[in-house]
PDB file of N, CA and C in Angstrom:
ATOM      1  N   MET A   1      75.018   6.095-175.760  1.00  0.00           N
ATOM      2  CA  MET A   1      74.577   5.453-177.223  1.00  0.00           C
ATOM      3  C   MET A   1      75.724   6.388-178.253  1.00  0.00           C
ATOM      4  N   ALA A   2      76.405   5.621-179.108  1.00  0.00           N
ATOM      5  CA  ALA A   2      77.229   6.444-180.102  1.00  0.00           C
ATOM      6  C   ALA A   2      76.497   7.088-180.685  1.00  0.00           C
ATOM      7  N   ASN A   3      75.726   7.083-181.324  1.00  0.00           N
ATOM      8  CA  ASN A   3      74.648   7.860-182.333  1.00  0.00           C
ATOM      9  C   ASN A   3      73.528   8.354-181.994  1.00  0.00           C
ATOM     10  N   THR A   4      73.139   9.535-182.022  1.00  0.00           N
ATOM     11  CA  THR A   4      71.827   9.755-181.094  1.00  0.00           C
ATOM     12  C   THR A   4      70.790  10.273-182.196  1.00  0.00           C
ATOM     13  N   LEU A   5      71.230  10.450-183.821  1.00  0.00           N
ATOM     14  CA  LEU A   5      70.466  10.609-184.784  1.00  0.00           C
ATOM     15  C   LEU A   5      69.414   9.432-185.048  1.00  0.00           C
ATOM     16  N   LYS A   6      68.114   9.511-184.870  1.00  0.00           N
ATOM     17  CA  LYS A   6      67.168   8.670-185.001  1.00  0.00           C
ATOM     18  C   LYS A   6      66.856   8.079-186.454  1.00  0.00           C
ATOM     19  N   PHE A   7      66.875   7.068-187.080  1.00  0.00           N
ATOM     20  CA  PHE A   7      66.682   6.632-188.639  1.00  0.00           C
ATOM     21  C   PHE A   7      64.862   6.439-188.270  1.00  0.00           C
ATOM     22  N   ASN A   8      64.199   6.380-189.305  1.00  0.00           N
ATOM     23  CA  ASN A   8      62.801   6.752-189.563  1.00  0.00           C
ATOM     24  C   ASN A   8      62.661   5.354-190.127  1.00  0.00           C
ATOM     25  N   ILE A   9      61.695   4.431-189.542  1.00  0.00           N
ATOM     26  CA  ILE A   9      61.442   2.963-189.896  1.00  0.00           C
ATOM     27  C   ILE A   9      60.028   2.949-190.583  1.00  0.00           C
ATOM     28  N   LYS A  10      60.701   2.389-192.102  1.00  0.00           N
ATOM     29  CA  LYS A  10      59.233   2.094-193.005  1.00  0.00           C
ATOM     30  C   LYS A  10      58.920   0.803-192.532  1.00  0.00           C
ATOM     31  N   TYR A  11      57.898   0.443-193.140  1.00  0.00           N
ATOM     32  CA  TYR A  11      57.611  -0.982-193.207  1.00  0.00           C
ATOM     33  C   TYR A  11      56.868  -1.396-194.810  1.00  0.00           C
ATOM     34  N   ASP A  12      57.178  -2.449-195.072  1.00  0.00           N
ATOM     35  CA  ASP A  12      56.910  -3.139-196.407  1.00  0.00           C
ATOM     36  C   ASP A  12      55.223  -3.350-196.321  1.00  0.00           C
ATOM     37  N   SER A  13      54.324  -3.408-197.167  1.00  0.00           N
ATOM     38  CA  SER A  13      52.939  -3.282-197.322  1.00  0.00           C
ATOM     39  C   SER A  13      52.731  -4.647-196.688  1.00  0.00           C
ATOM     40  N   MET A  14      53.383  -5.523-196.795  1.00  0.00           N
ATOM     41  CA  MET A  14      52.804  -6.609-196.425  1.00  0.00           C
ATOM     42  C   MET A  14      53.327  -7.257-195.031  1.00  0.00           C
ATOM     43  N   PHE A  15      53.857  -6.374-194.569  1.00  0.00           N
ATOM     44  CA  PHE A  15      54.320  -6.493-192.641  1.00  0.00           C
ATOM     45  C   PHE A  15      53.016  -6.730-192.029  1.00  0.00           C
ATOM     46  N   GLU A  16      51.716  -6.003-191.738  1.00  0.00           N
ATOM     47  CA  GLU A  16      50.931  -6.372-191.247  1.00  0.00           C
ATOM     48  C   GLU A  16      50.426  -7.926-191.739  1.00  0.00           C
ATOM     49  N   GLU A  17      50.183  -8.331-192.732  1.00  0.00           N
ATOM     50  CA  GLU A  17      49.965  -9.666-193.225  1.00  0.00           C
ATOM     51  C   GLU A  17      50.669 -10.561-192.623  1.00  0.00           C
ATOM     52  N   HIS A  18      51.927 -10.367-192.645  1.00  0.00           N
ATOM     53  CA  HIS A  18      52.979 -11.370-191.873  1.00  0.00           C
ATOM     54  C   HIS A  18      53.037 -11.548-190.262  1.00  0.00           C
ATOM     55  N   LEU A  19      52.230 -10.339-190.023  1.00  0.00           N
ATOM     56  CA  LEU A  19      52.174 -10.087-188.671  1.00  0.00           C
ATOM     57  C   LEU A  19      50.883 -10.944-187.949  1.00  0.00           C
ATOM     58  N   SER A  20      50.099 -10.831-189.191  1.00  0.00           N
ATOM     59  CA  SER A  20      48.849 -11.562-188.537  1.00  0.00           C
ATOM     60  C   SER A  20      48.523 -13.137-188.341  1.00  0.00           C
ATOM     61  N   PHE A  21      49.824 -13.578-188.795  1.00  0.00           N
ATOM     62  CA  PHE A  21      50.124 -15.251-188.486  1.00  0.00           C
ATOM     63  C   PHE A  21      50.578 -15.366-186.977  1.00  0.00           C
ATOM     64  N   VAL A  22      50.756 -14.428-186.338  1.00  0.00           N
ATOM     65  CA  VAL A  22      51.363 -14.651-184.891  1.00  0.00           C
ATOM     66  C   VAL A  22      50.316 -14.195-184.137  1.00  0.00           C
ATOM     67  N   ASP A  23      50.047 -14.477-182.827  1.00  0.00           N
ATOM     68  CA  ASP A  23      49.226 -14.141-181.709  1.00  0.00           C
ATOM     69  C   ASP A  23      49.091 -12.788-181.396  1.00  0.00           C
ATOM     70  N   SER A  24      47.959 -12.050-181.553  1.00  0.00           N
ATOM     71  CA  SER A  24      47.896 -10.631-181.459  1.00  0.00           C
ATOM     72  C   SER A  24      48.367 -10.196-180.020  1.00  0.00           C
ATOM     73  N   LYS A  25      48.302 -11.138-178.803  1.00  0.00           N
ATOM     74  CA  LYS A  25      49.227 -10.749-177.850  1.00  0.00           C
ATOM     75  C   LYS A  25      50.552 -10.444-177.762  1.00  0.00           C
ATOM     76  N   TYR A  26      51.564 -10.449-179.054  1.00  0.00           N
ATOM     77  CA  TYR A  26      52.754 -10.368-179.402  1.00  0.00           C
ATOM     78  C   TYR A  26      52.816  -9.081-179.832  1.00  0.00           C
ATOM     79  N   HIS A  27      51.761  -8.814-180.817  1.00  0.00           N
ATOM     80  CA  HIS A  27      52.006  -7.511-181.404  1.00  0.00           C
ATOM     81  C   HIS A  27      52.583  -6.329-180.972  1.00  0.00           C
ATOM     82  N   SER A  28      52.349  -5.953-179.671  1.00  0.00           N
ATOM     83  CA  SER A  28      52.895  -4.489-178.712  1.00  0.00           C
ATOM     84  C   SER A  28      54.423  -4.938-178.504  1.00  0.00           C
ATOM     85  N   LEU A  29      54.486  -6.449-178.368  1.00  0.00           N
ATOM     86  CA  LEU A  29      55.750  -6.815-178.096  1.00  0.00           C
ATOM     87  C   LEU A  29      56.876  -6.559-179.500  1.00  0.00           C
ATOM     88  N   ILE A  30      56.315  -6.661-180.570  1.00  0.00           N
ATOM     89  CA  ILE A  30      57.162  -6.633-181.422  1.00  0.00           C
ATOM     90  C   ILE A  30      57.120  -5.714-182.266  1.00  0.00           C
ATOM     91  N   ARG A  31      56.252  -4.647-182.077  1.00  0.00           N
ATOM     92  CA  ARG A  31      56.276  -3.141-182.781  1.00  0.00           C
ATOM     93  C   ARG A  31      57.826  -2.523-181.601  1.00  0.00           C
ATOM     94  N   SER A  32      57.284  -2.851-180.541  1.00  0.00           N
ATOM     95  CA  SER A  32      58.323  -2.157-179.523  1.00  0.00           C
ATOM     96  C   SER A  32      59.745  -2.715-179.728  1.00  0.00           C
ATOM     97  N   LYS A  33      59.773  -3.940-179.965  1.00  0.00           N
ATOM     98  CA  LYS A  33      61.516  -4.232-180.263  1.00  0.00           C
ATOM     99  C   LYS A  33      62.292  -3.647-181.207  1.00  0.00           C
ATOM    100  N   ILE A  34      60.917  -3.848-182.810  1.00  0.00           N
ATOM    101  CA  ILE A  34      61.618  -3.270-183.993  1.00  0.00           C
ATOM    102  C   ILE A  34      62.316  -1.539-183.633  1.00  0.00           C
ATOM    103  N   VAL A  35      61.300  -0.897-183.068  1.00  0.00           N
ATOM    104  CA  VAL A  35      61.733   0.414-182.632  1.00  0.00           C
ATOM    105  C   VAL A  35      63.360   0.533-181.636  1.00  0.00           C
ATOM    106  N   GLU A  36      63.082  -0.579-180.505  1.00  0.00           N
ATOM    107  CA  GLU A  36      64.221  -0.472-179.358  1.00  0.00           C
ATOM    108  C   GLU A  36      65.342  -0.885-180.520  1.00  0.00           C
ATOM    109  N   GLN A  37      65.453  -1.900-181.486  1.00  0.00           N
ATOM    110  CA  GLN A  37      66.509  -2.413-181.887  1.00  0.00           C
ATOM    111  C   GLN A  37      66.952  -1.582-183.420  1.00  0.00           C
ATOM    112  N   LEU A  38      66.166  -0.983-183.781  1.00  0.00           N
ATOM    113  CA  LEU A  38      66.111  -0.326-185.222  1.00  0.00           C
ATOM    114  C   LEU A  38      66.490   1.126-185.129  1.00  0.00           C
ATOM    115  N   GLN A  39      65.657   2.135-184.298  1.00  0.00           N
ATOM    116  CA  GLN A  39      66.003   3.469-184.288  1.00  0.00           C
ATOM    117  C   GLN A  39      67.035   4.201-184.156  1.00  0.00           C
ATOM    118  N   PHE A  40      67.986   3.534-183.667  1.00  0.00           N
ATOM    119  CA  PHE A  40      69.007   4.315-183.848  1.00  0.00           C
ATOM    120  C   PHE A  40      70.726   3.764-184.136  1.00  0.00           C
ATOM    121  N   GLU A  41      70.663   2.254-184.163  1.00  0.00           N
ATOM    122  CA  GLU A  41      71.972   1.911-184.437  1.00  0.00           C
ATOM    123  C   GLU A  41      71.511   0.514-185.446  1.00  0.00           C
ATOM    124  N   PRO A  42      70.982   0.417-186.367  1.00  0.00           N
ATOM    125  CA  PRO A  42      70.517  -0.743-187.011  1.00  0.00           C
ATOM    126  C   PRO A  42      71.583  -1.292-187.872  1.00  0.00           C
ATOM    127  N   ASN A  43      72.774  -0.756-187.759  1.00  0.00           N
ATOM    128  CA  ASN A  43      74.113  -1.314-188.894  1.00  0.00           C
ATOM    129  C   ASN A  43      74.887  -1.807-187.636  1.00  0.00           C
ATOM    130  N   VAL A  44      74.761  -2.084-186.443  1.00  0.00           N
ATOM    131  CA  VAL A  44      75.973  -2.631-185.521  1.00  0.00           C
ATOM    132  C   VAL A  44      75.486  -4.145-185.243  1.00  0.00           C
ATOM    133  N   GLU A  45      76.214  -4.826-185.449  1.00  0.00           N
ATOM    134  CA  GLU A  45      75.760  -6.464-185.047  1.00  0.00           C
ATOM    135  C   GLU A  45      76.063  -6.358-183.485  1.00  0.00           C
ATOM    136  N   THR A  46      75.089  -7.420-182.959  1.00  0.00           N
ATOM    137  CA  THR A  46      75.006  -7.951-181.578  1.00  0.00           C
ATOM    138  C   THR A  46      74.465  -9.247-181.628  1.00  0.00           C
ATOM    139  N   LYS A  47      74.485  -9.761-180.393  1.00  0.00           N
ATOM    140  CA  LYS A  47      74.037 -10.949-180.334  1.00  0.00           C
ATOM    141  C   LYS A  47      72.751 -11.259-180.885  1.00  0.00           C
ATOM    142  N   ASN A  48      71.828 -10.697-180.992  1.00  0.00           N
ATOM    143  CA  ASN A  48      70.629 -11.102-181.416  1.00  0.00           C
ATOM    144  C   ASN A  48      70.198  -9.914-182.886  1.00  0.00           C
ATOM    145  N   ARG A  49      71.288  -9.368-183.278  1.00  0.00           N
ATOM    146  CA  ARG A  49      71.296  -8.618-184.615  1.00  0.00           C
ATOM    147  C   ARG A  49      71.958  -8.806-185.696  1.00  0.00           C
ATOM    148  N   LYS A  50      71.962  -9.185-186.886  1.00  0.00           N
ATOM    149  CA  LYS A  50      73.045  -9.983-187.742  1.00  0.00           C
ATOM    150  C   LYS A  50      73.098  -9.865-188.945  1.00  0.00           C
ATOM    151  N   LEU A  51      74.265  -9.153-189.986  1.00  0.00           N
ATOM    152  CA  LEU A  51      73.968  -9.216-190.946  1.00  0.00           C
ATOM    153  C   LEU A  51      73.833 -10.675-191.819  1.00  0.00           C
ATOM    154  N   LEU A  52      72.891 -10.524-193.139  1.00  0.00           N
ATOM    155  CA  LEU A  52      72.604 -12.110-193.237  1.00  0.00           C
ATOM    156  C   LEU A  52      73.744 -12.309-194.644  1.00  0.00           C
ATOM    157  N   ARG A  53      73.544 -13.419-194.760  1.00  0.00           N
ATOM    158  CA  ARG A  53      74.539 -13.908-195.868  1.00  0.00           C
ATOM    159  C   ARG A  53      74.107 -13.433-197.026  1.00  0.00           C
ATOM    160  N   PRO A  54      74.863 -13.030-198.058  1.00  0.00           N
ATOM    161  CA  PRO A  54      74.467 -12.570-199.528  1.00  0.00           C
ATOM    162  C   PRO A  54      73.430 -13.439-199.950  1.00  0.00           C
ATOM    163  N   GLN A  55      73.777 -15.089-199.883  1.00  0.00           N
ATOM    164  CA  GLN A  55      72.765 -15.730-201.035  1.00  0.00           C
ATOM    165  C   GLN A  55      71.581 -15.594-200.521  1.00  0.00           C
ATOM    166  N   THR A  56      70.694 -14.872-199.663  1.00  0.00           N
ATOM    167  CA  THR A  56      69.599 -15.283-198.834  1.00  0.00           C
ATOM    168  C   THR A  56      68.681 -15.198-199.939  1.00  0.00           C
ATOM    169  N   VAL A  57      67.159 -15.315-200.015  1.00  0.00           N
ATOM    170  CA  VAL A  57      66.035 -15.034-200.891  1.00  0.00           C
ATOM    171  C   VAL A  57      65.456 -13.488-200.558  1.00  0.00           C
ATOM    172  N   LEU A  58      65.645 -13.347-199.183  1.00  0.00           N
ATOM    173  CA  LEU A  58      65.127 -12.011-198.985  1.00  0.00           C
ATOM    174  C   LEU A  58      65.904 -10.812-199.428  1.00  0.00           C
ATOM    175  N   ALA A  59      64.868  -9.908-199.789  1.00  0.00           N
ATOM    176  CA  ALA A  59      65.658  -8.502-200.157  1.00  0.00           C
ATOM    177  C   ALA A  59      66.619  -7.916-199.241  1.00  0.00           C
ATOM    178  N   ALA A  60      66.215  -8.366-197.826  1.00  0.00           N
ATOM    179  CA  ALA A  60      66.417  -7.837-196.765  1.00  0.00           C
ATOM    180  C   ALA A  60      68.090  -8.218-196.286  1.00  0.00           C
ATOM    181  N   LYS A  61      68.845  -6.936-195.691  1.00  0.00           N
ATOM    182  CA  LYS A  61      70.125  -7.717-195.602  1.00  0.00           C
ATOM    183  C   LYS A  61      70.444  -8.037-194.235  1.00  0.00           C
ATOM    184  N   TRP A  62      69.905  -7.630-193.120  1.00  0.00           N
ATOM    185  CA  TRP A  62      69.788  -7.829-191.943  1.00  0.00           C
ATOM    186  C   TRP A  62      68.455  -8.570-191.459  1.00  0.00           C
ATOM    187  N   GLU A  63      69.182  -8.928-190.028  1.00  0.00           N
ATOM    188  CA  GLU A  63      68.124  -9.772-189.152  1.00  0.00           C
ATOM    189  C   GLU A  63      68.226  -9.506-188.113  1.00  0.00           C
ATOM    190  N   ILE A  64      66.944  -9.446-187.196  1.00  0.00           N
ATOM    191  CA  ILE A  64      66.904  -9.114-185.484  1.00  0.00           C
ATOM    192  C   ILE A  64      66.337 -10.313-185.246  1.00  0.00           C
ATOM    193  N   ARG A  65      66.465 -10.910-184.157  1.00  0.00           N
ATOM    194  CA  ARG A  65      65.404 -12.110-183.173  1.00  0.00           C
ATOM    195  C   ARG A  65      65.271 -11.413-181.840  1.00  0.00           C
ATOM    196  N   PHE A  66      63.967 -12.109-181.619  1.00  0.00           N
ATOM    197  CA  PHE A  66      63.731 -11.527-180.235  1.00  0.00           C
ATOM    198  C   PHE A  66      62.210 -12.388-179.766  1.00  0.00           C
ATOM    199  N   GLY A  67      61.829 -12.297-178.546  1.00  0.00           N
ATOM    200  CA  GLY A  67      60.913 -12.994-178.336  1.00  0.00           C
ATOM    201  C   GLY A  67      61.016 -14.307-177.934  1.00  0.00           C
ATOM    202  N   PRO A  68      59.811 -14.845-177.364  1.00  0.00           N
ATOM    203  CA  PRO A  68      59.523 -16.209-176.856  1.00  0.00           C
ATOM    204  C   PRO A  68      61.111 -16.574-177.395  1.00  0.00           C
ATOM    205  N   ALA A  69      61.975 -17.575-176.658  1.00  0.00           N
ATOM    206  CA  ALA A  69      63.028 -18.274-177.183  1.00  0.00           C
ATOM    207  C   ALA A  69      63.403 -17.761-178.497  1.00  0.00           C
ATOM    208  N   ASN A  70      63.753 -16.094-178.681  1.00  0.00           N
ATOM    209  CA  ASN A  70      63.794 -16.087-179.858  1.00  0.00           C
ATOM    210  C   ASN A  70      63.478 -16.281-181.287  1.00  0.00           C
ATOM    211  N   ARG A  71      61.980 -16.767-180.803  1.00  0.00           N
ATOM    212  CA  ARG A  71      61.726 -16.888-182.099  1.00  0.00           C
ATOM    213  C   ARG A  71      61.129 -16.276-183.210  1.00  0.00           C
ATOM    214  N   PHE A  72      60.849 -14.775-183.142  1.00  0.00           N
ATOM    215  CA  PHE A  72      60.718 -13.892-184.055  1.00  0.00           C
ATOM    216  C   PHE A  72      61.686 -13.158-184.627  1.00  0.00           C
ATOM    217  N   ARG A  73      61.577 -12.817-185.928  1.00  0.00           N
ATOM    218  CA  ARG A  73      62.429 -12.659-186.813  1.00  0.00           C
ATOM    219  C   ARG A  73      61.999 -11.292-187.697  1.00  0.00           C
ATOM    220  N   VAL A  74      62.703 -10.438-187.597  1.00  0.00           N
ATOM    221  CA  VAL A  74      62.614  -8.967-188.158  1.00  0.00           C
ATOM    222  C   VAL A  74      63.691  -9.157-189.609  1.00  0.00           C
ATOM    223  N   PHE A  75      63.476  -8.756-190.818  1.00  0.00           N
ATOM    224  CA  PHE A  75      64.370  -8.930-192.052  1.00  0.00           C
ATOM    225  C   PHE A  75      64.188  -7.187-192.243  1.00  0.00           C
ATOM    226  N   TYR A  76      65.394  -6.801-192.384  1.00  0.00           N
ATOM    227  CA  TYR A  76      65.586  -5.264-192.778  1.00  0.00           C
ATOM    228  C   TYR A  76      66.481  -4.817-193.512  1.00  0.00           C
ATOM    229  N   SER A  77      66.439  -3.628-194.231  1.00  0.00           N
ATOM    230  CA  SER A  77      67.848  -3.246-194.920  1.00  0.00           C
ATOM    231  C   SER A  77      67.690  -1.684-194.145  1.00  0.00           C
ATOM    232  N   PHE A  78      68.927  -0.811-194.732  1.00  0.00           N
ATOM    233  CA  PHE A  78      68.886   0.534-194.346  1.00  0.00           C
ATOM    234  C   PHE A  78      69.468   1.538-195.194  1.00  0.00           C
ATOM    235  N   ASP A  79      69.192   2.881-195.096  1.00  0.00           N
ATOM    236  CA  ASP A  79      70.042   3.662-195.664  1.00  0.00           C
ATOM    237  C   ASP A  79      70.770   4.815-194.773  1.00  0.00           C
ATOM    238  N   GLU A  80      71.819   4.568-194.780  1.00  0.00           N
ATOM    239  CA  GLU A  80      72.414   5.403-193.798  1.00  0.00           C
ATOM    240  C   GLU A  80      72.160   7.297-193.822  1.00  0.00           C
ATOM    241  N   ALA A  81      72.651   7.179-195.373  1.00  0.00           N
ATOM    242  CA  ALA A  81      72.577   8.472-195.758  1.00  0.00           C
ATOM    243  C   ALA A  81      71.420   9.415-195.372  1.00  0.00           C
ATOM    244  N   ILE A  82      69.998   8.547-195.559  1.00  0.00           N
ATOM    245  CA  ILE A  82      68.868   9.235-195.449  1.00  0.00           C
ATOM    246  C   ILE A  82      67.915   8.828-194.105  1.00  0.00           C
ATOM    247  N   ARG A  83      69.015   7.888-193.526  1.00  0.00           N
ATOM    248  CA  ARG A  83      68.526   7.491-191.832  1.00  0.00           C
ATOM    249  C   ARG A  83      67.393   7.065-192.452  1.00  0.00           C
ATOM    250  N   GLU A  84      67.225   5.678-193.164  1.00  0.00           N
ATOM    251  CA  GLU A  84      65.922   4.989-193.219  1.00  0.00           C
ATOM    252  C   GLU A  84      66.034   3.765-192.883  1.00  0.00           C
ATOM    253  N   VAL A  85      65.257   3.049-192.151  1.00  0.00           N
ATOM    254  CA  VAL A  85      65.522   1.636-192.126  1.00  0.00           C
ATOM    255  C   VAL A  85      64.163   1.092-192.705  1.00  0.00           C
ATOM    256  N   TYR A  86      64.190  -0.049-193.649  1.00  0.00           N
ATOM    257  CA  TYR A  86      62.986  -0.702-194.509  1.00  0.00           C
ATOM    258  C   TYR A  86      62.965  -1.739-194.007  1.00  0.00           C
ATOM    259  N   VAL A  87      61.646  -2.158-193.043  1.00  0.00           N
ATOM    260  CA  VAL A  87      61.345  -3.344-192.676  1.00  0.00           C
ATOM    261  C   VAL A  87      61.053  -3.981-193.689  1.00  0.00           C
ATOM    262  N   SER A  88      61.242  -5.675-194.496  1.00  0.00           N
ATOM    263  CA  SER A  88      60.824  -5.987-195.145  1.00  0.00           C
ATOM    264  C   SER A  88      59.897  -7.276-195.190  1.00  0.00           C
ATOM    265  N   ALA A  89      60.308  -7.980-193.693  1.00  0.00           N
ATOM    266  CA  ALA A  89      59.688  -8.936-193.376  1.00  0.00           C
ATOM    267  C   ALA A  89      59.793  -9.645-192.069  1.00  0.00           C
ATOM    268  N   PHE A  90      58.694 -10.024-191.593  1.00  0.00           N
ATOM    269  CA  PHE A  90      58.596 -10.387-190.331  1.00  0.00           C
ATOM    270  C   PHE A  90      58.251 -11.715-189.902  1.00  0.00           C
ATOM    271  N   GLY A  91      58.925 -12.769-189.628  1.00  0.00           N
ATOM    272  CA  GLY A  91      58.775 -14.113-189.508  1.00  0.00           C
ATOM    273  C   GLY A  91      58.805 -14.660-188.251  1.00  0.00           C
ATOM    274  N   GLU A  92      58.699 -16.251-188.049  1.00  0.00           N
ATOM    275  CA  GLU A  92      58.552 -16.716-187.199  1.00  0.00           C
ATOM    276  C   GLU A  92      59.506 -18.259-187.201  1.00  0.00           C
ATOM    277  N   LYS A  93      60.426 -18.345-186.233  1.00  0.00           N
ATOM    278  CA  LYS A  93      61.281 -19.519-186.559  1.00  0.00           C
ATOM    279  C   LYS A  93      60.521 -20.804-185.515  1.00  0.00           C
ATOM    280  N   GLU A  94      60.320 -21.907-186.179  1.00  0.00           N
ATOM    281  CA  GLU A  94      59.826 -23.008-185.400  1.00  0.00           C
ATOM    282  C   GLU A  94      60.741 -24.229-185.606  1.00  0.00           C
ATOM    283  N   ARG A  95      61.761 -24.454-184.481  1.00  0.00           N
ATOM    284  CA  ARG A  95      62.662 -25.333-184.865  1.00  0.00           C
ATOM    285  C   ARG A  95      63.788 -24.671-186.280  1.00  0.00           C
ATOM    286  N   GLU A  96      63.872 -25.398-187.236  1.00  0.00           N
ATOM    287  CA  GLU A  96      64.843 -25.322-188.096  1.00  0.00           C
ATOM    288  C   GLU A  96      63.973 -24.708-189.102  1.00  0.00           C
ATOM    289  N   ARG A  97      62.990 -24.107-189.083  1.00  0.00           N
ATOM    290  CA  ARG A  97      62.125 -23.430-190.186  1.00  0.00           C
ATOM    291  C   ARG A  97      61.625 -22.504-189.661  1.00  0.00           C
ATOM    292  N   LEU A  98      61.599 -21.326-190.843  1.00  0.00           N
ATOM    293  CA  LEU A  98      61.007 -20.290-190.843  1.00  0.00           C
ATOM    294  C   LEU A  98      59.984 -19.946-191.668  1.00  0.00           C
ATOM    295  N   TYR A  99      59.102 -19.231-191.403  1.00  0.00           N
ATOM    296  CA  TYR A  99      57.523 -18.859-191.706  1.00  0.00           C
ATOM    297  C   TYR A  99      57.575 -17.611-191.672  1.00  0.00           C
ATOM    298  N   ILE A 100      57.329 -17.284-192.885  1.00  0.00           N
ATOM    299  CA  ILE A 100      56.751 -15.856-192.967  1.00  0.00           C
ATOM    300  C   ILE A 100      55.508 -15.618-193.715  1.00  0.00           C
ATOM    301  N   GLY A 101      54.616 -14.924-193.223  1.00  0.00           N
ATOM    302  CA  GLY A 101      53.416 -14.903-193.932  1.00  0.00           C
ATOM    303  C   GLY A 101      52.503 -16.334-193.892  1.00  0.00           C
ATOM    304  N   GLY A 102      52.895 -17.129-193.198  1.00  0.00           N
ATOM    305  CA  GLY A 102      52.300 -18.575-192.982  1.00  0.00           C
ATOM    306  C   GLY A 102      53.543 -19.377-194.008  1.00  0.00           C
ATOM    307  N   GLU A 103      54.055 -18.971-195.156  1.00  0.00           N
ATOM    308  CA  GLU A 103      54.769 -20.053-195.574  1.00  0.00           C
ATOM    309  C   GLU A 103      56.349 -20.078-195.268  1.00  0.00           C
ATOM    310  N   GLU A 104      56.592 -21.563-195.491  1.00  0.00           N
ATOM    311  CA  GLU A 104      57.794 -21.581-195.291  1.00  0.00           C
ATOM    312  C   GLU A 104      58.776 -20.809-195.959  1.00  0.00           C
ATOM    313  N   ILE A 105      59.714 -20.558-195.637  1.00  0.00           N
ATOM    314  CA  ILE A 105      61.046 -19.629-196.467  1.00  0.00           C
ATOM    315  C   ILE A 105      62.461 -20.500-196.463  1.00  0.00           C
ATOM    316  N   ILE A 106      63.056 -21.019-197.273  1.00  0.00           N
ATOM    317  CA  ILE A 106      64.153 -21.329-197.254  1.00  0.00           C
ATOM    318  C   ILE A 106      65.207 -20.361-197.363  1.00  0.00           C
ATOM    319  N   LEU A 107      66.258 -20.217-196.198  1.00  0.00           N
ATOM    320  CA  LEU A 107      67.257 -19.122-196.289  1.00  0.00           C
ATOM    321  C   LEU A 107      68.393 -19.872-196.871  1.00  0.00           C
TER     322      LEU A 107
END
């Protein structure tokens, strides 16, 4: 691993509400994937982690996808200087539609 300094992960106050729209059997998977994907190199693009287009409606700048059929999405930003990741939203993709907190979001 190129960078061994951990990032502190902070969650938006709405994260728990967003999570409540997903079957609870996935909650531990979601939490563990967030830590696994964002704790060390949140700024490195991978197959399932990408920089978002600037015109997205979300405040987040990055997205990770995972879970069954890659249907889960976590939207986040980070501050390299203070080593913090800010998870702003959790969503679920169904076909071509993204739902955050039960509402469809147009990206």
